[in-house]
């Protein structure tokens, strides 16, 4: 990575914000001139000459919000410029696609744009991702895919990403793990049917079919994140033993009694393991997806 590239991308969102020109502009009042060919200027450019950003991480645009912005632009014009780079055939948008779409819907022919130098497609990808992530425009799955693209296409580590977008490394890791979820659950995240907390709990389940079953329970029953976490902790497959295990002593009568009471209450085999200091775990076995559903209904209080 060149020093020039580091200086641009190291500033994150600041690389997309004009340094000297004022941010509030409007092509209607004549305060914005034509493109003079310089870099780092705000100019009025033809919308017809602007190409979309092929690296745009944002795939979901709220139509109601877009309609409101379109109405505002029809009334007051475009106040905040978009950011573009020059290409052979005109311009390519880096950030501000929502403003561009609304301006097109308002049937305006020009838009104010901040023109900066971005030499490579890799820089375009990083700037587009960083702008959307730092402005919190993306849903959880868009962020997860954005982070994965930075790894795959820009050869960045999770530590690099965390520093670049101003997040903890664990936050980046948790988003990337969402990509392991079944497509149905990923779609639910995009559409806000479940939260990030729900999704993180579902990842701990043993297979996709079980994950989808509990996801459906969350959507249908409105289960809270805490309730889902409790279910996931309780309903789990017994862990496979990795080697010889020697019991330190027989199971106490009180533990056996507790296991029997739980077996009768849940209608399935239950194992209670103590770990000392008041800690332990309860393993509840299930033998089919229908059995899994039955247990989840019990845990959900249905």
C-alpha atoms as a PDB file:
ATOM      1  CA  UNK A   1       0.000   0.000   0.000  1.00  0.00           C
ATOM      2  CA  UNK A   2       1.509   3.328  -1.059  1.00  0.00           C
ATOM      3  CA  UNK A   3       2.067   6.252   1.325  1.00  0.00           C
ATOM      4  CA  UNK A   4      -0.433   8.294  -0.703  1.00  0.00           C
ATOM      5  CA  UNK A   5      -3.090   5.639  -0.323  1.00  0.00           C
ATOM      6  CA  UNK A   6      -2.430   5.345   3.396  1.00  0.00           C
ATOM      7  CA  UNK A   7      -2.794   9.113   3.789  1.00  0.00           C
ATOM      8  CA  UNK A   8      -6.199   9.075   2.077  1.00  0.00           C
ATOM      9  CA  UNK A   9      -7.688   5.982   3.666  1.00  0.00           C
ATOM     10  CA  UNK A  10      -6.161   6.557   7.075  1.00  0.00           C
ATOM     11  CA  UNK A  11      -8.449   9.564   7.494  1.00  0.00           C
ATOM     12  CA  UNK A  12     -11.534   7.370   7.074  1.00  0.00           C
ATOM     13  CA  UNK A  13     -14.689   9.452   6.747  1.00  0.00           C
ATOM     14  CA  UNK A  14     -12.685  12.706   6.689  1.00  0.00           C
ATOM     15  CA  UNK A  15     -11.294  11.758   3.270  1.00  0.00           C
ATOM     16  CA  UNK A  16     -14.806  12.253   1.851  1.00  0.00           C
ATOM     17  CA  UNK A  17     -15.465  15.645   3.427  1.00  0.00           C
ATOM     18  CA  UNK A  18     -14.332  18.917   1.788  1.00  0.00           C
ATOM     19  CA  UNK A  19     -11.567  20.661   3.718  1.00  0.00           C
ATOM     20  CA  UNK A  20     -11.843  24.264   2.560  1.00  0.00           C
ATOM     21  CA  UNK A  21     -15.154  24.734   0.688  1.00  0.00           C
ATOM     22  CA  UNK A  22     -18.224  25.133   2.842  1.00  0.00           C
ATOM     23  CA  UNK A  23     -20.433  22.058   3.013  1.00  0.00           C
ATOM     24  CA  UNK A  24     -23.787  23.799   2.503  1.00  0.00           C
ATOM     25  CA  UNK A  25     -24.164  24.442  -1.214  1.00  0.00           C
ATOM     26  CA  UNK A  26     -26.958  24.513  -3.763  1.00  0.00           C
ATOM     27  CA  UNK A  27     -26.744  24.384  -7.524  1.00  0.00           C
ATOM     28  CA  UNK A  28     -29.939  26.424  -7.778  1.00  0.00           C
ATOM     29  CA  UNK A  29     -28.559  29.628  -6.262  1.00  0.00           C
ATOM     30  CA  UNK A  30     -25.477  29.723  -8.483  1.00  0.00           C
ATOM     31  CA  UNK A  31     -23.049  29.209  -5.590  1.00  0.00           C
ATOM     32  CA  UNK A  32     -21.490  26.153  -7.257  1.00  0.00           C
ATOM     33  CA  UNK A  33     -19.512  26.510 -10.467  1.00  0.00           C
ATOM     34  CA  UNK A  34     -18.682  24.034 -13.203  1.00  0.00           C
ATOM     35  CA  UNK A  35     -15.900  21.457 -12.979  1.00  0.00           C
ATOM     36  CA  UNK A  36     -12.562  23.185 -13.658  1.00  0.00           C
ATOM     37  CA  UNK A  37     -10.535  19.975 -13.698  1.00  0.00           C
ATOM     38  CA  UNK A  38      -8.933  20.570 -10.309  1.00  0.00           C
ATOM     39  CA  UNK A  39      -9.002  18.100  -7.426  1.00  0.00           C
ATOM     40  CA  UNK A  40     -10.579  18.736  -4.041  1.00  0.00           C
ATOM     41  CA  UNK A  41     -13.239  21.123  -5.349  1.00  0.00           C
ATOM     42  CA  UNK A  42     -17.019  21.255  -5.189  1.00  0.00           C
ATOM     43  CA  UNK A  43     -18.599  21.601  -8.616  1.00  0.00           C
ATOM     44  CA  UNK A  44     -21.980  21.269 -10.253  1.00  0.00           C
ATOM     45  CA  UNK A  45     -21.920  18.194 -12.517  1.00  0.00           C
ATOM     46  CA  UNK A  46     -24.422  16.559 -14.861  1.00  0.00           C
ATOM     47  CA  UNK A  47     -26.239  13.619 -13.288  1.00  0.00           C
ATOM     48  CA  UNK A  48     -26.263  11.853 -16.660  1.00  0.00           C
ATOM     49  CA  UNK A  49     -22.450  11.662 -16.511  1.00  0.00           C
ATOM     50  CA  UNK A  50     -22.362   9.927 -13.100  1.00  0.00           C
ATOM     51  CA  UNK A  51     -21.896   6.171 -13.017  1.00  0.00           C
ATOM     52  CA  UNK A  52     -22.819   4.051  -9.959  1.00  0.00           C
ATOM     53  CA  UNK A  53     -20.176   2.748  -7.590  1.00  0.00           C
ATOM     54  CA  UNK A  54     -19.659  -0.970  -8.381  1.00  0.00           C
ATOM     55  CA  UNK A  55     -18.289  -1.383  -4.858  1.00  0.00           C
ATOM     56  CA  UNK A  56     -21.347   0.060  -3.110  1.00  0.00           C
ATOM     57  CA  UNK A  57     -21.928  -2.111  -0.008  1.00  0.00           C
ATOM     58  CA  UNK A  58     -25.401  -0.740   0.613  1.00  0.00           C
ATOM     59  CA  UNK A  59     -28.094  -2.839  -1.044  1.00  0.00           C
ATOM     60  CA  UNK A  60     -31.207  -1.799   0.895  1.00  0.00           C
ATOM     61  CA  UNK A  61     -32.628   1.711   0.486  1.00  0.00           C
ATOM     62  CA  UNK A  62     -35.764   2.559   2.467  1.00  0.00           C
ATOM     63  CA  UNK A  63     -38.264   3.770  -0.116  1.00  0.00           C
ATOM     64  CA  UNK A  64     -40.271   5.904   2.304  1.00  0.00           C
ATOM     65  CA  UNK A  65     -37.162   7.701   3.510  1.00  0.00           C
ATOM     66  CA  UNK A  66     -36.006   8.126  -0.094  1.00  0.00           C
ATOM     67  CA  UNK A  67     -39.365   9.662  -1.029  1.00  0.00           C
ATOM     68  CA  UNK A  68     -39.058  12.141   1.858  1.00  0.00           C
ATOM     69  CA  UNK A  69     -35.583  13.152   0.714  1.00  0.00           C
ATOM     70  CA  UNK A  70     -36.833  13.554  -2.856  1.00  0.00           C
ATOM     71  CA  UNK A  71     -39.554  15.918  -1.653  1.00  0.00           C
ATOM     72  CA  UNK A  72     -37.010  17.915   0.361  1.00  0.00           C
ATOM     73  CA  UNK A  73     -34.741  18.235  -2.671  1.00  0.00           C
ATOM     74  CA  UNK A  74     -37.671  19.369  -4.817  1.00  0.00           C
ATOM     75  CA  UNK A  75     -38.377  22.090  -2.267  1.00  0.00           C
ATOM     76  CA  UNK A  76     -34.865  23.182  -1.256  1.00  0.00           C
ATOM     77  CA  UNK A  77     -32.426  21.579  -3.680  1.00  0.00           C
ATOM     78  CA  UNK A  78     -29.364  19.467  -2.813  1.00  0.00           C
ATOM     79  CA  UNK A  79     -27.615  21.025   0.181  1.00  0.00           C
ATOM     80  CA  UNK A  80     -24.822  18.525   0.909  1.00  0.00           C
ATOM     81  CA  UNK A  81     -22.631  17.485  -2.053  1.00  0.00           C
ATOM     82  CA  UNK A  82     -22.028  13.890  -3.020  1.00  0.00           C
ATOM     83  CA  UNK A  83     -18.435  12.663  -3.440  1.00  0.00           C
ATOM     84  CA  UNK A  84     -17.148  11.448  -6.819  1.00  0.00           C
ATOM     85  CA  UNK A  85     -13.992  10.658  -8.746  1.00  0.00           C
ATOM     86  CA  UNK A  86     -13.316  11.446 -12.385  1.00  0.00           C
ATOM     87  CA  UNK A  87     -13.215   8.585 -14.918  1.00  0.00           C
ATOM     88  CA  UNK A  88     -12.762   8.591 -18.702  1.00  0.00           C
ATOM     89  CA  UNK A  89     -16.499   8.706 -19.387  1.00  0.00           C
ATOM     90  CA  UNK A  90     -17.407  11.239 -16.702  1.00  0.00           C
ATOM     91  CA  UNK A  91     -17.650  10.537 -12.995  1.00  0.00           C
ATOM     92  CA  UNK A  92     -18.117   7.627 -10.602  1.00  0.00           C
ATOM     93  CA  UNK A  93     -19.895   8.133  -7.287  1.00  0.00           C
ATOM     94  CA  UNK A  94     -17.996   7.283  -4.112  1.00  0.00           C
ATOM     95  CA  UNK A  95     -20.517   8.314  -1.475  1.00  0.00           C
ATOM     96  CA  UNK A  96     -23.958   9.877  -1.459  1.00  0.00           C
ATOM     97  CA  UNK A  97     -25.890   7.396  -3.597  1.00  0.00           C
ATOM     98  CA  UNK A  98     -29.067   8.048  -1.634  1.00  0.00           C
ATOM     99  CA  UNK A  99     -28.833  11.773  -2.421  1.00  0.00           C
ATOM    100  CA  UNK A 100     -28.118  10.961  -6.061  1.00  0.00           C
ATOM    101  CA  UNK A 101     -31.157   8.676  -6.331  1.00  0.00           C
ATOM    102  CA  UNK A 102     -33.398  11.271  -4.735  1.00  0.00           C
ATOM    103  CA  UNK A 103     -32.062  13.978  -7.037  1.00  0.00           C
ATOM    104  CA  UNK A 104     -32.794  11.814 -10.071  1.00  0.00           C
ATOM    105  CA  UNK A 105     -36.318  11.171  -8.737  1.00  0.00           C
ATOM    106  CA  UNK A 106     -36.751  14.945  -8.339  1.00  0.00           C
ATOM    107  CA  UNK A 107     -35.927  15.295 -12.067  1.00  0.00           C
ATOM    108  CA  UNK A 108     -32.952  17.604 -11.525  1.00  0.00           C
ATOM    109  CA  UNK A 109     -30.217  17.501 -14.137  1.00  0.00           C
ATOM    110  CA  UNK A 110     -27.265  18.584 -11.995  1.00  0.00           C
ATOM    111  CA  UNK A 111     -25.966  17.904  -8.513  1.00  0.00           C
ATOM    112  CA  UNK A 112     -23.183  19.444  -6.374  1.00  0.00           C
ATOM    113  CA  UNK A 113     -20.239  17.063  -6.017  1.00  0.00           C
ATOM    114  CA  UNK A 114     -16.974  17.011  -4.111  1.00  0.00           C
ATOM    115  CA  UNK A 115     -14.360  15.741  -6.567  1.00  0.00           C
ATOM    116  CA  UNK A 116     -11.398  13.851  -5.127  1.00  0.00           C
ATOM    117  CA  UNK A 117      -8.558  11.730  -6.499  1.00  0.00           C
ATOM    118  CA  UNK A 118      -9.053   7.995  -6.043  1.00  0.00           C
ATOM    119  CA  UNK A 119      -6.683   6.037  -8.241  1.00  0.00           C
ATOM    120  CA  UNK A 120      -7.576   2.387  -7.715  1.00  0.00           C
ATOM    121  CA  UNK A 121     -10.680   0.239  -7.399  1.00  0.00           C
ATOM    122  CA  UNK A 122      -9.323  -1.023  -4.089  1.00  0.00           C
ATOM    123  CA  UNK A 123      -9.390   2.522  -2.705  1.00  0.00           C
ATOM    124  CA  UNK A 124     -12.939   2.935  -4.039  1.00  0.00           C
ATOM    125  CA  UNK A 125     -14.053  -0.155  -2.166  1.00  0.00           C
ATOM    126  CA  UNK A 126     -12.423   0.903   1.094  1.00  0.00           C
ATOM    127  CA  UNK A 127     -13.782   4.450   0.961  1.00  0.00           C
ATOM    128  CA  UNK A 128     -17.303   3.286   0.130  1.00  0.00           C
ATOM    129  CA  UNK A 129     -17.279   0.736   2.938  1.00  0.00           C
ATOM    130  CA  UNK A 130     -15.775   3.059   5.517  1.00  0.00           C
ATOM    131  CA  UNK A 131     -18.185   5.875   4.662  1.00  0.00           C
ATOM    132  CA  UNK A 132     -21.257   3.678   4.987  1.00  0.00           C
ATOM    133  CA  UNK A 133     -20.053   1.872   8.116  1.00  0.00           C
ATOM    134  CA  UNK A 134     -18.988   4.993   9.981  1.00  0.00           C
ATOM    135  CA  UNK A 135     -22.227   6.781   9.116  1.00  0.00           C
ATOM    136  CA  UNK A 136     -24.151   3.686  10.319  1.00  0.00           C
ATOM    137  CA  UNK A 137     -26.125   3.438   7.072  1.00  0.00           C
ATOM    138  CA  UNK A 138     -25.760  -0.326   6.710  1.00  0.00           C
ATOM    139  CA  UNK A 139     -27.751  -3.183   8.212  1.00  0.00           C
ATOM    140  CA  UNK A 140     -25.961  -6.025   9.996  1.00  0.00           C
ATOM    141  CA  UNK A 141     -25.617  -8.264   6.930  1.00  0.00           C
ATOM    142  CA  UNK A 142     -24.387  -5.414   4.749  1.00  0.00           C
ATOM    143  CA  UNK A 143     -21.713  -4.683   7.363  1.00  0.00           C
ATOM    144  CA  UNK A 144     -20.762  -8.368   7.557  1.00  0.00           C
ATOM    145  CA  UNK A 145     -20.396  -8.595   3.781  1.00  0.00           C
ATOM    146  CA  UNK A 146     -18.505  -5.299   3.729  1.00  0.00           C
ATOM    147  CA  UNK A 147     -15.965  -6.558   6.260  1.00  0.00           C
ATOM    148  CA  UNK A 148     -15.555  -9.810   4.327  1.00  0.00           C
ATOM    149  CA  UNK A 149     -14.943  -7.879   1.092  1.00  0.00           C
ATOM    150  CA  UNK A 150     -12.233  -5.845   2.816  1.00  0.00           C
ATOM    151  CA  UNK A 151     -10.583  -9.146   3.776  1.00  0.00           C
ATOM    152  CA  UNK A 152     -11.020 -10.844   0.395  1.00  0.00           C
ATOM    153  CA  UNK A 153     -10.500  -7.945  -2.010  1.00  0.00           C
ATOM    154  CA  UNK A 154      -8.310  -5.537  -0.042  1.00  0.00           C
ATOM    155  CA  UNK A 155      -6.307  -8.182   1.839  1.00  0.00           C
ATOM    156  CA  UNK A 156      -6.937  -6.537   5.184  1.00  0.00           C
ATOM    157  CA  UNK A 157      -6.856  -8.373   8.511  1.00  0.00           C
ATOM    158  CA  UNK A 158      -9.616  -8.070  11.083  1.00  0.00           C
ATOM    159  CA  UNK A 159      -7.282  -5.888  13.150  1.00  0.00           C
ATOM    160  CA  UNK A 160      -6.750  -3.600  10.127  1.00  0.00           C
ATOM    161  CA  UNK A 161     -10.501  -3.288   9.612  1.00  0.00           C
ATOM    162  CA  UNK A 162     -11.133  -2.550  13.285  1.00  0.00           C
ATOM    163  CA  UNK A 163      -8.593   0.279  13.261  1.00  0.00           C
ATOM    164  CA  UNK A 164      -9.874   1.689   9.963  1.00  0.00           C
ATOM    165  CA  UNK A 165     -13.548   1.854  10.982  1.00  0.00           C
ATOM    166  CA  UNK A 166     -12.974   2.650  14.646  1.00  0.00           C
ATOM    167  CA  UNK A 167     -14.434  -0.571  16.092  1.00  0.00           C
ATOM    168  CA  UNK A 168     -13.155  -3.259  18.457  1.00  0.00           C
ATOM    169  CA  UNK A 169     -11.719  -6.333  16.764  1.00  0.00           C
ATOM    170  CA  UNK A 170     -14.319  -8.485  18.550  1.00  0.00           C
ATOM    171  CA  UNK A 171     -17.069  -6.404  16.945  1.00  0.00           C
ATOM    172  CA  UNK A 172     -15.629  -7.064  13.490  1.00  0.00           C
ATOM    173  CA  UNK A 173     -15.339 -10.788  14.277  1.00  0.00           C
ATOM    174  CA  UNK A 174     -18.947 -10.991  15.462  1.00  0.00           C
ATOM    175  CA  UNK A 175     -20.230  -9.403  12.262  1.00  0.00           C
ATOM    176  CA  UNK A 176     -18.188 -11.726  10.031  1.00  0.00           C
ATOM    177  CA  UNK A 177     -19.544 -14.760  11.922  1.00  0.00           C
ATOM    178  CA  UNK A 178     -23.042 -13.794  10.751  1.00  0.00           C
ATOM    179  CA  UNK A 179     -22.071 -14.991   7.279  1.00  0.00           C
ATOM    180  CA  UNK A 180     -22.130 -18.560   8.632  1.00  0.00           C
ATOM    181  CA  UNK A 181     -25.863 -18.350   9.319  1.00  0.00           C
ATOM    182  CA  UNK A 182     -28.393 -19.907   6.890  1.00  0.00           C
ATOM    183  CA  UNK A 183     -29.703 -17.583   4.132  1.00  0.00           C
ATOM    184  CA  UNK A 184     -33.171 -17.411   5.721  1.00  0.00           C
ATOM    185  CA  UNK A 185     -31.740 -16.009   8.952  1.00  0.00           C
ATOM    186  CA  UNK A 186     -29.474 -13.600   7.085  1.00  0.00           C
ATOM    187  CA  UNK A 187     -32.526 -12.309   5.234  1.00  0.00           C
ATOM    188  CA  UNK A 188     -34.314 -11.882   8.563  1.00  0.00           C
ATOM    189  CA  UNK A 189     -31.452  -9.706   9.786  1.00  0.00           C
ATOM    190  CA  UNK A 190     -31.607  -7.554   6.653  1.00  0.00           C
ATOM    191  CA  UNK A 191     -35.335  -7.024   7.159  1.00  0.00           C
ATOM    192  CA  UNK A 192     -35.018  -6.376  10.932  1.00  0.00           C
ATOM    193  CA  UNK A 193     -37.101  -9.433  11.808  1.00  0.00           C
ATOM    194  CA  UNK A 194     -34.449 -10.313  14.394  1.00  0.00           C
ATOM    195  CA  UNK A 195     -31.656  -8.360  16.052  1.00  0.00           C
ATOM    196  CA  UNK A 196     -27.914  -8.817  16.058  1.00  0.00           C
ATOM    197  CA  UNK A 197     -28.245 -10.258  19.579  1.00  0.00           C
ATOM    198  CA  UNK A 198     -30.671 -12.936  18.369  1.00  0.00           C
ATOM    199  CA  UNK A 199     -28.340 -13.847  15.512  1.00  0.00           C
ATOM    200  CA  UNK A 200     -25.295 -14.151  17.750  1.00  0.00           C
ATOM    201  CA  UNK A 201     -27.204 -16.591  19.974  1.00  0.00           C
ATOM    202  CA  UNK A 202     -28.346 -18.667  16.990  1.00  0.00           C
ATOM    203  CA  UNK A 203     -24.758 -19.128  15.779  1.00  0.00           C
ATOM    204  CA  UNK A 204     -24.056 -21.291  18.848  1.00  0.00           C
ATOM    205  CA  UNK A 205     -26.626 -23.914  17.823  1.00  0.00           C
ATOM    206  CA  UNK A 206     -25.259 -27.172  16.362  1.00  0.00           C
ATOM    207  CA  UNK A 207     -26.653 -27.106  12.803  1.00  0.00           C
ATOM    208  CA  UNK A 208     -28.595 -25.073  10.268  1.00  0.00           C
ATOM    209  CA  UNK A 209     -31.893 -26.901  10.663  1.00  0.00           C
ATOM    210  CA  UNK A 210     -31.973 -26.246  14.394  1.00  0.00           C
ATOM    211  CA  UNK A 211     -30.935 -22.614  13.833  1.00  0.00           C
ATOM    212  CA  UNK A 212     -33.795 -22.083  11.386  1.00  0.00           C
ATOM    213  CA  UNK A 213     -36.325 -23.736  13.718  1.00  0.00           C
ATOM    214  CA  UNK A 214     -35.418 -21.431  16.591  1.00  0.00           C
ATOM    215  CA  UNK A 215     -35.306 -18.430  14.237  1.00  0.00           C
ATOM    216  CA  UNK A 216     -38.902 -19.187  13.226  1.00  0.00           C
ATOM    217  CA  UNK A 217     -39.849 -19.385  16.902  1.00  0.00           C
ATOM    218  CA  UNK A 218     -38.282 -15.958  17.480  1.00  0.00           C
ATOM    219  CA  UNK A 219     -40.186 -14.375  14.596  1.00  0.00           C
ATOM    220  CA  UNK A 220     -43.516 -16.048  15.372  1.00  0.00           C
ATOM    221  CA  UNK A 221     -43.368 -15.659  19.145  1.00  0.00           C
ATOM    222  CA  UNK A 222     -41.446 -12.423  19.562  1.00  0.00           C
ATOM    223  CA  UNK A 223     -38.868 -14.046  21.836  1.00  0.00           C
ATOM    224  CA  UNK A 224     -36.434 -11.677  23.524  1.00  0.00           C
ATOM    225  CA  UNK A 225     -32.676 -11.999  23.110  1.00  0.00           C
ATOM    226  CA  UNK A 226     -32.374 -13.073  26.760  1.00  0.00           C
ATOM    227  CA  UNK A 227     -34.985 -15.805  26.269  1.00  0.00           C
ATOM    228  CA  UNK A 228     -33.215 -17.089  23.148  1.00  0.00           C
ATOM    229  CA  UNK A 229     -29.865 -17.108  24.950  1.00  0.00           C
ATOM    230  CA  UNK A 230     -31.442 -19.148  27.760  1.00  0.00           C
ATOM    231  CA  UNK A 231     -32.887 -21.644  25.271  1.00  0.00           C
ATOM    232  CA  UNK A 232     -29.582 -22.002  23.438  1.00  0.00           C
ATOM    233  CA  UNK A 233     -27.725 -22.592  26.694  1.00  0.00           C
ATOM    234  CA  UNK A 234     -30.227 -25.189  27.814  1.00  0.00           C
ATOM    235  CA  UNK A 235     -31.056 -27.041  24.612  1.00  0.00           C
ATOM    236  CA  UNK A 236     -27.768 -28.356  23.326  1.00  0.00           C
ATOM    237  CA  UNK A 237     -26.359 -31.625  22.106  1.00  0.00           C
ATOM    238  CA  UNK A 238     -24.132 -33.463  24.599  1.00  0.00           C
ATOM    239  CA  UNK A 239     -20.502 -32.657  23.993  1.00  0.00           C
ATOM    240  CA  UNK A 240     -18.422 -35.433  22.512  1.00  0.00           C
ATOM    241  CA  UNK A 241     -15.664 -36.694  24.739  1.00  0.00           C
ATOM    242  CA  UNK A 242     -12.256 -35.938  23.299  1.00  0.00           C
ATOM    243  CA  UNK A 243     -10.403 -38.563  25.332  1.00  0.00           C
ATOM    244  CA  UNK A 244     -10.522 -40.842  28.341  1.00  0.00           C
ATOM    245  CA  UNK A 245     -12.428 -39.311  31.220  1.00  0.00           C
ATOM    246  CA  UNK A 246     -12.199 -40.459  34.802  1.00  0.00           C
ATOM    247  CA  UNK A 247     -15.035 -39.610  37.162  1.00  0.00           C
ATOM    248  CA  UNK A 248     -13.927 -37.957  40.358  1.00  0.00           C
ATOM    249  CA  UNK A 249     -16.762 -39.553  42.266  1.00  0.00           C
ATOM    250  CA  UNK A 250     -20.278 -40.892  42.055  1.00  0.00           C
ATOM    251  CA  UNK A 251     -23.228 -38.676  41.231  1.00  0.00           C
ATOM    252  CA  UNK A 252     -24.767 -37.386  44.453  1.00  0.00           C
ATOM    253  CA  UNK A 253     -28.283 -38.334  45.432  1.00  0.00           C
ATOM    254  CA  UNK A 254     -29.363 -34.687  45.212  1.00  0.00           C
ATOM    255  CA  UNK A 255     -28.115 -34.418  41.610  1.00  0.00           C
ATOM    256  CA  UNK A 256     -29.832 -37.679  40.670  1.00  0.00           C
ATOM    257  CA  UNK A 257     -33.060 -36.407  42.200  1.00  0.00           C
ATOM    258  CA  UNK A 258     -32.773 -33.138  40.277  1.00  0.00           C
ATOM    259  CA  UNK A 259     -32.138 -34.988  37.014  1.00  0.00           C
ATOM    260  CA  UNK A 260     -35.199 -37.147  37.572  1.00  0.00           C
ATOM    261  CA  UNK A 261     -37.416 -34.147  38.282  1.00  0.00           C
ATOM    262  CA  UNK A 262     -36.191 -32.436  35.109  1.00  0.00           C
ATOM    263  CA  UNK A 263     -36.718 -35.608  33.055  1.00  0.00           C
ATOM    264  CA  UNK A 264     -40.324 -35.789  34.244  1.00  0.00           C
ATOM    265  CA  UNK A 265     -40.932 -32.081  33.614  1.00  0.00           C
ATOM    266  CA  UNK A 266     -39.350 -32.022  30.152  1.00  0.00           C
ATOM    267  CA  UNK A 267     -40.121 -35.537  28.964  1.00  0.00           C
ATOM    268  CA  UNK A 268     -36.571 -36.244  27.823  1.00  0.00           C
ATOM    269  CA  UNK A 269     -33.164 -37.256  29.136  1.00  0.00           C
ATOM    270  CA  UNK A 270     -31.440 -34.577  31.220  1.00  0.00           C
ATOM    271  CA  UNK A 271     -27.892 -34.516  32.570  1.00  0.00           C
ATOM    272  CA  UNK A 272     -26.732 -32.168  35.332  1.00  0.00           C
ATOM    273  CA  UNK A 273     -23.013 -31.511  35.670  1.00  0.00           C
ATOM    274  CA  UNK A 274     -21.447 -29.545  38.502  1.00  0.00           C
ATOM    275  CA  UNK A 275     -18.145 -27.704  38.149  1.00  0.00           C
ATOM    276  CA  UNK A 276     -17.595 -26.331  41.617  1.00  0.00           C
ATOM    277  CA  UNK A 277     -17.989 -22.801  42.985  1.00  0.00           C
ATOM    278  CA  UNK A 278     -21.715 -23.088  42.393  1.00  0.00           C
ATOM    279  CA  UNK A 279     -21.273 -23.426  38.626  1.00  0.00           C
ATOM    280  CA  UNK A 280     -22.445 -26.173  36.281  1.00  0.00           C
ATOM    281  CA  UNK A 281     -24.472 -27.018  33.226  1.00  0.00           C
ATOM    282  CA  UNK A 282     -27.720 -28.772  32.360  1.00  0.00           C
ATOM    283  CA  UNK A 283     -27.731 -30.822  29.139  1.00  0.00           C
ATOM    284  CA  UNK A 284     -31.140 -31.507  27.642  1.00  0.00           C
ATOM    285  CA  UNK A 285     -31.271 -34.072  24.853  1.00  0.00           C
ATOM    286  CA  UNK A 286     -33.691 -34.016  21.928  1.00  0.00           C
ATOM    287  CA  UNK A 287     -34.189 -36.657  19.258  1.00  0.00           C
ATOM    288  CA  UNK A 288     -35.913 -34.925  16.357  1.00  0.00           C
ATOM    289  CA  UNK A 289     -36.786 -31.440  15.145  1.00  0.00           C
ATOM    290  CA  UNK A 290     -40.333 -31.933  16.410  1.00  0.00           C
ATOM    291  CA  UNK A 291     -38.901 -32.796  19.809  1.00  0.00           C
ATOM    292  CA  UNK A 292     -36.721 -29.679  19.598  1.00  0.00           C
ATOM    293  CA  UNK A 293     -39.813 -27.568  18.844  1.00  0.00           C
ATOM    294  CA  UNK A 294     -41.655 -29.078  21.804  1.00  0.00           C
ATOM    295  CA  UNK A 295     -38.807 -28.254  24.168  1.00  0.00           C
ATOM    296  CA  UNK A 296     -38.482 -24.707  22.874  1.00  0.00           C
ATOM    297  CA  UNK A 297     -42.200 -24.165  23.461  1.00  0.00           C
ATOM    298  CA  UNK A 298     -41.729 -25.347  27.045  1.00  0.00           C
ATOM    299  CA  UNK A 299     -38.767 -23.014  27.597  1.00  0.00           C
ATOM    300  CA  UNK A 300     -40.679 -20.123  26.022  1.00  0.00           C
ATOM    301  CA  UNK A 301     -43.535 -20.720  28.477  1.00  0.00           C
ATOM    302  CA  UNK A 302     -46.082 -21.788  25.851  1.00  0.00           C
END
